[in-house]
N, C-alpha and C. Protein backbone atom coordinates (compact mmCIF):
# COMPACT_ATOMS: atom_id res chain seq x y z
N MET A 1 79.50 71.20 -48.70
CA MET A 1 80.76 70.88 -49.23
C MET A 1 81.17 71.65 -50.34
N LYS A 2 80.25 71.87 -51.30
CA LYS A 2 80.62 72.67 -52.48
C LYS A 2 80.78 74.20 -52.00
N LYS A 3 80.16 74.66 -50.87
CA LYS A 3 80.41 76.09 -50.51
C LYS A 3 81.76 76.17 -49.81
N GLY A 4 82.32 75.08 -49.27
CA GLY A 4 83.69 75.05 -48.63
C GLY A 4 84.72 75.24 -49.78
N TYR A 5 84.32 74.47 -50.75
CA TYR A 5 85.38 74.63 -52.00
C TYR A 5 85.39 75.95 -52.48
N VAL A 6 84.25 76.74 -52.58
CA VAL A 6 84.09 78.05 -53.14
C VAL A 6 84.92 78.95 -52.10
N VAL A 7 84.68 78.72 -50.81
CA VAL A 7 85.51 79.54 -49.91
C VAL A 7 86.85 79.47 -50.07
N LEU A 8 87.43 78.20 -50.10
CA LEU A 8 88.83 77.88 -50.36
C LEU A 8 89.30 78.46 -51.57
N LEU A 9 88.63 78.33 -52.65
CA LEU A 9 88.94 78.84 -53.94
C LEU A 9 89.12 80.36 -53.97
N THR A 10 88.02 81.06 -53.12
CA THR A 10 88.20 82.55 -53.00
C THR A 10 89.46 82.89 -52.31
N VAL A 11 89.73 82.33 -51.23
CA VAL A 11 90.91 82.55 -50.33
C VAL A 11 92.28 82.45 -51.22
N SER A 12 92.17 81.29 -51.92
CA SER A 12 93.50 80.97 -52.65
C SER A 12 93.69 82.04 -53.80
N ILE A 13 92.55 82.32 -54.52
CA ILE A 13 92.69 83.28 -55.66
C ILE A 13 93.08 84.69 -55.14
N GLU A 14 92.53 85.03 -54.02
CA GLU A 14 92.84 86.36 -53.39
C GLU A 14 94.32 86.44 -52.84
N ALA A 15 94.73 85.25 -52.25
CA ALA A 15 96.10 85.21 -51.97
C ALA A 15 97.19 85.23 -53.18
N ILE A 16 96.86 84.73 -54.14
CA ILE A 16 97.59 84.73 -55.41
C ILE A 16 97.65 86.12 -56.04
N ILE A 17 96.51 86.70 -56.12
CA ILE A 17 96.41 88.07 -56.73
C ILE A 17 97.16 89.02 -55.83
N LEU A 18 97.07 88.94 -54.53
CA LEU A 18 97.73 89.98 -53.59
C LEU A 18 99.16 89.83 -53.66
N SER A 19 99.64 88.45 -53.73
CA SER A 19 101.14 88.32 -53.69
C SER A 19 101.72 88.69 -54.85
N LEU A 20 101.11 88.52 -56.08
CA LEU A 20 101.55 89.18 -57.41
C LEU A 20 101.55 90.77 -57.27
N ALA A 21 100.53 91.17 -56.73
CA ALA A 21 100.42 92.69 -56.34
C ALA A 21 101.61 93.24 -55.60
N SER A 22 101.94 92.45 -54.56
CA SER A 22 103.07 92.94 -53.75
C SER A 22 104.32 92.87 -54.48
N VAL A 23 104.55 91.84 -55.33
CA VAL A 23 105.76 91.83 -56.19
C VAL A 23 105.79 92.97 -57.14
N ILE A 24 104.67 93.29 -57.72
CA ILE A 24 104.62 94.42 -58.75
C ILE A 24 104.85 95.72 -58.10
N ILE A 25 104.24 95.83 -56.91
CA ILE A 25 104.29 97.22 -56.19
C ILE A 25 105.55 97.23 -55.56
N GLY A 26 106.19 96.12 -55.04
CA GLY A 26 107.36 96.42 -54.28
C GLY A 26 107.23 96.44 -52.76
N TRP A 27 105.88 96.22 -52.18
CA TRP A 27 105.73 96.29 -50.95
C TRP A 27 105.98 94.97 -50.36
N ALA A 28 105.99 94.93 -48.94
CA ALA A 28 106.12 93.66 -48.14
C ALA A 28 104.86 92.78 -48.36
N LEU A 29 104.97 91.64 -48.37
CA LEU A 29 103.83 90.70 -48.62
C LEU A 29 102.80 90.98 -47.58
N ILE A 30 103.14 91.00 -46.30
CA ILE A 30 102.29 91.07 -45.10
C ILE A 30 101.55 92.40 -45.17
N ASP A 31 102.07 93.41 -45.58
CA ASP A 31 101.42 94.82 -45.66
C ASP A 31 100.44 94.58 -46.85
N THR A 32 100.69 94.03 -48.00
CA THR A 32 99.89 93.92 -49.17
C THR A 32 98.62 92.95 -48.90
N LEU A 33 98.96 91.95 -48.20
CA LEU A 33 97.87 91.03 -47.77
C LEU A 33 96.87 91.76 -46.90
N PHE A 34 97.26 92.41 -45.83
CA PHE A 34 96.30 93.15 -45.06
C PHE A 34 95.55 94.24 -45.73
N LEU A 35 96.21 95.14 -46.31
CA LEU A 35 95.64 96.33 -46.93
C LEU A 35 94.77 95.84 -48.12
N GLY A 36 95.43 94.93 -49.06
CA GLY A 36 94.57 94.47 -50.14
C GLY A 36 93.37 93.64 -49.74
N SER A 37 93.41 92.87 -48.73
CA SER A 37 92.24 92.13 -48.28
C SER A 37 91.07 93.37 -47.77
N LEU A 38 91.58 94.30 -47.10
CA LEU A 38 90.62 95.14 -46.65
C LEU A 38 89.99 96.06 -47.86
N VAL A 39 90.78 96.21 -48.83
CA VAL A 39 90.33 97.03 -50.02
C VAL A 39 89.20 96.14 -50.72
N ILE A 40 89.65 94.90 -50.94
CA ILE A 40 88.69 94.04 -51.73
C ILE A 40 87.31 93.82 -50.87
N PHE A 41 87.49 93.44 -49.54
CA PHE A 41 86.14 93.34 -48.75
C PHE A 41 85.48 94.63 -48.76
N GLY A 42 86.12 95.71 -48.47
CA GLY A 42 85.37 97.02 -48.50
C GLY A 42 84.66 97.43 -49.75
N SER A 43 85.36 97.02 -50.92
CA SER A 43 84.54 97.37 -52.22
C SER A 43 83.48 96.38 -52.33
N VAL A 44 83.50 95.21 -51.91
CA VAL A 44 82.36 94.36 -52.07
C VAL A 44 81.18 94.85 -51.13
N TRP A 45 81.58 95.20 -50.09
CA TRP A 45 80.72 95.82 -48.98
C TRP A 45 80.04 97.17 -49.59
N LEU A 46 80.86 98.00 -50.08
CA LEU A 46 80.26 99.21 -50.80
C LEU A 46 79.39 99.02 -51.91
N PHE A 47 79.75 97.83 -52.78
CA PHE A 47 78.90 97.57 -53.89
C PHE A 47 77.54 97.11 -53.56
N GLN A 48 77.50 96.21 -52.39
CA GLN A 48 76.37 95.86 -52.07
C GLN A 48 75.41 97.02 -51.36
N LEU A 49 76.07 97.92 -50.69
CA LEU A 49 75.37 99.08 -50.11
C LEU A 49 74.89 100.02 -51.32
N TYR A 50 75.58 100.26 -52.35
CA TYR A 50 75.25 100.96 -53.53
C TYR A 50 73.97 100.30 -54.28
N THR A 51 74.00 98.89 -54.31
CA THR A 51 72.97 98.43 -54.94
C THR A 51 71.66 98.50 -54.12
N ASN A 52 71.70 98.31 -52.87
CA ASN A 52 70.55 98.55 -51.95
C ASN A 52 69.97 99.95 -52.07
N GLN A 53 70.96 101.11 -52.14
CA GLN A 53 70.48 102.33 -52.17
C GLN A 53 69.90 102.67 -53.47
N THR A 54 70.45 102.14 -54.43
CA THR A 54 69.79 102.59 -55.92
C THR A 54 68.40 101.73 -56.00
N THR A 55 68.37 100.49 -55.42
CA THR A 55 67.01 99.89 -55.54
C THR A 55 65.88 100.63 -54.54
N ASN A 56 66.42 101.23 -53.55
CA ASN A 56 65.62 102.00 -52.69
C ASN A 56 64.99 103.18 -53.30
N GLU A 57 66.02 103.82 -54.10
CA GLU A 57 65.73 105.08 -54.84
C GLU A 57 64.74 104.84 -56.00
N LEU A 58 64.92 103.73 -56.60
CA LEU A 58 63.99 103.32 -57.71
C LEU A 58 62.76 103.02 -57.20
N ASN A 59 62.51 102.33 -56.09
CA ASN A 59 61.23 102.00 -55.58
C ASN A 59 60.54 103.26 -55.07
N ALA A 60 61.12 104.10 -54.54
CA ALA A 60 60.61 105.26 -54.05
C ALA A 60 60.11 106.26 -55.21
N HIS A 61 60.93 106.16 -56.32
CA HIS A 61 60.62 106.99 -57.48
C HIS A 61 59.36 106.43 -58.06
N ILE A 62 59.37 104.99 -58.21
CA ILE A 62 58.17 104.40 -58.85
C ILE A 62 56.92 104.75 -58.03
N LYS A 63 56.98 104.59 -56.61
CA LYS A 63 55.88 104.84 -55.82
C LYS A 63 55.55 106.31 -55.87
N GLY A 64 56.46 107.20 -55.98
CA GLY A 64 56.09 108.76 -55.95
C GLY A 64 55.49 109.07 -57.30
N TRP A 65 55.76 108.58 -58.33
CA TRP A 65 55.25 109.03 -59.71
C TRP A 65 54.00 108.11 -60.17
N ASN A 66 54.10 106.76 -59.94
CA ASN A 66 53.02 105.90 -60.34
C ASN A 66 52.00 105.57 -59.21
N ARG A 67 52.40 105.86 -57.94
CA ARG A 67 51.67 105.32 -56.88
C ARG A 67 51.44 103.83 -56.80
N LEU A 68 52.55 103.14 -57.41
CA LEU A 68 52.60 101.68 -57.29
C LEU A 68 53.56 101.29 -56.22
N ASP A 69 53.03 100.37 -55.31
CA ASP A 69 54.06 99.86 -54.22
C ASP A 69 54.80 98.70 -54.60
N ASN A 70 56.03 98.80 -55.00
CA ASN A 70 56.86 97.83 -55.45
C ASN A 70 57.16 96.89 -54.22
N ASP A 71 58.55 97.16 -53.94
CA ASP A 71 58.98 96.45 -52.63
C ASP A 71 59.10 97.15 -51.48
N GLY A 72 58.93 98.45 -51.75
CA GLY A 72 59.27 99.47 -50.53
C GLY A 72 60.67 99.78 -50.21
N VAL A 73 61.00 100.47 -49.40
CA VAL A 73 62.37 100.83 -48.86
C VAL A 73 62.70 99.77 -47.92
N LYS A 74 63.88 99.09 -48.07
CA LYS A 74 64.43 98.05 -47.28
C LYS A 74 65.57 98.57 -46.62
N PRO A 75 66.02 98.11 -45.35
CA PRO A 75 67.25 98.53 -44.82
C PRO A 75 68.27 97.70 -45.40
N PHE A 76 69.64 98.11 -45.38
CA PHE A 76 70.78 97.59 -45.80
C PHE A 76 71.11 96.30 -44.96
N ARG A 77 71.17 95.10 -45.52
CA ARG A 77 71.79 94.00 -44.81
C ARG A 77 72.94 93.36 -45.60
N PHE A 78 74.08 93.26 -44.85
CA PHE A 78 75.04 92.58 -45.58
C PHE A 78 74.89 91.13 -45.87
N LYS A 79 74.94 90.65 -47.10
CA LYS A 79 74.58 89.20 -47.44
C LYS A 79 75.96 88.56 -47.31
N ILE A 80 76.02 87.40 -46.63
CA ILE A 80 77.05 86.54 -46.63
C ILE A 80 76.87 85.27 -47.62
N SER A 81 77.59 85.46 -48.78
CA SER A 81 77.67 84.31 -49.60
C SER A 81 78.94 83.66 -49.39
N PRO A 82 79.26 82.37 -50.02
CA PRO A 82 80.52 81.81 -49.84
C PRO A 82 81.76 82.63 -50.27
N ILE A 83 81.43 83.55 -51.20
CA ILE A 83 82.66 84.33 -51.75
C ILE A 83 82.86 85.47 -50.75
N THR A 84 81.86 86.03 -50.13
CA THR A 84 82.20 87.02 -49.14
C THR A 84 82.67 86.51 -47.78
N LEU A 85 82.15 85.32 -47.66
CA LEU A 85 82.69 84.55 -46.35
C LEU A 85 84.31 84.33 -46.50
N GLY A 86 84.56 83.88 -47.81
CA GLY A 86 86.10 83.64 -48.03
C GLY A 86 86.88 85.01 -47.88
N LEU A 87 86.22 86.16 -48.45
CA LEU A 87 86.91 87.43 -48.34
C LEU A 87 87.12 87.71 -46.78
N LEU A 88 86.10 87.62 -45.98
CA LEU A 88 86.17 87.96 -44.79
C LEU A 88 87.19 87.07 -44.04
N LEU A 89 87.14 85.81 -44.26
CA LEU A 89 87.97 84.87 -43.58
C LEU A 89 89.40 85.18 -43.94
N PHE A 90 89.71 85.66 -45.19
CA PHE A 90 91.07 86.11 -45.62
C PHE A 90 91.50 87.25 -44.86
N THR A 91 90.57 88.28 -44.70
CA THR A 91 90.79 89.56 -44.03
C THR A 91 91.14 89.23 -42.61
N LEU A 92 90.48 88.32 -41.92
CA LEU A 92 90.67 88.18 -40.45
C LEU A 92 92.11 87.35 -40.29
N VAL A 93 92.27 86.41 -41.24
CA VAL A 93 93.73 85.72 -41.13
C VAL A 93 94.75 86.81 -41.46
N SER A 94 94.62 87.48 -42.44
CA SER A 94 95.80 88.42 -42.77
C SER A 94 95.86 89.59 -41.59
N PHE A 95 94.79 89.87 -40.92
CA PHE A 95 94.85 90.66 -39.88
C PHE A 95 95.75 90.09 -38.82
N PHE A 96 95.50 88.91 -38.46
CA PHE A 96 96.22 88.33 -37.33
C PHE A 96 97.69 88.01 -37.66
N ILE A 97 97.90 87.67 -39.15
CA ILE A 97 99.33 87.48 -39.45
C ILE A 97 100.11 88.85 -39.28
N ALA A 98 99.32 89.86 -39.68
CA ALA A 98 100.09 91.27 -39.54
C ALA A 98 100.26 91.61 -38.01
N ILE A 99 99.40 91.30 -37.17
CA ILE A 99 99.49 91.52 -35.74
C ILE A 99 100.66 90.78 -35.21
N LEU A 100 100.70 89.30 -35.42
CA LEU A 100 101.85 88.54 -35.14
C LEU A 100 103.28 89.03 -35.63
N SER A 101 103.22 89.53 -36.83
CA SER A 101 104.32 89.90 -37.69
C SER A 101 104.98 91.22 -36.93
N TYR A 102 104.07 92.14 -36.60
CA TYR A 102 104.48 93.38 -36.02
C TYR A 102 104.43 93.49 -34.51
N TYR A 103 104.16 92.38 -33.98
CA TYR A 103 104.01 92.31 -32.53
C TYR A 103 105.27 93.06 -31.77
N PRO A 104 106.47 92.82 -32.12
CA PRO A 104 107.67 93.52 -31.38
C PRO A 104 107.53 95.07 -31.43
N TYR A 105 106.76 95.70 -32.54
CA TYR A 105 106.70 97.05 -32.60
C TYR A 105 105.58 97.48 -31.68
N PHE A 106 104.75 96.66 -31.24
CA PHE A 106 103.64 97.24 -30.41
C PHE A 106 104.06 97.38 -29.03
N ILE A 107 105.22 96.58 -28.56
CA ILE A 107 105.56 96.63 -27.19
C ILE A 107 106.36 97.76 -26.94
């Protein structure tokens, strides 16, 4: 139940921030919601990827110089927390809203 509140809070905060950004930038709300949600979700994904890469480099450096086996090199796995689940849900909803909004242009 608590995780559901975190997901809803994440979605609402992202919607508020992106709607304010659309007013400040002067873009249409639908465009800002879709592109902004992609940027925010992509930055979270890249941060997790960067953290994994840095940890792997540190573990390889320690093993190379000290011959200690820390955790070894681990493959990157995207971790789904309630916050990232909220970001992903918001991205999918904004994608479908954008598709429905621009549907006449696709035909």
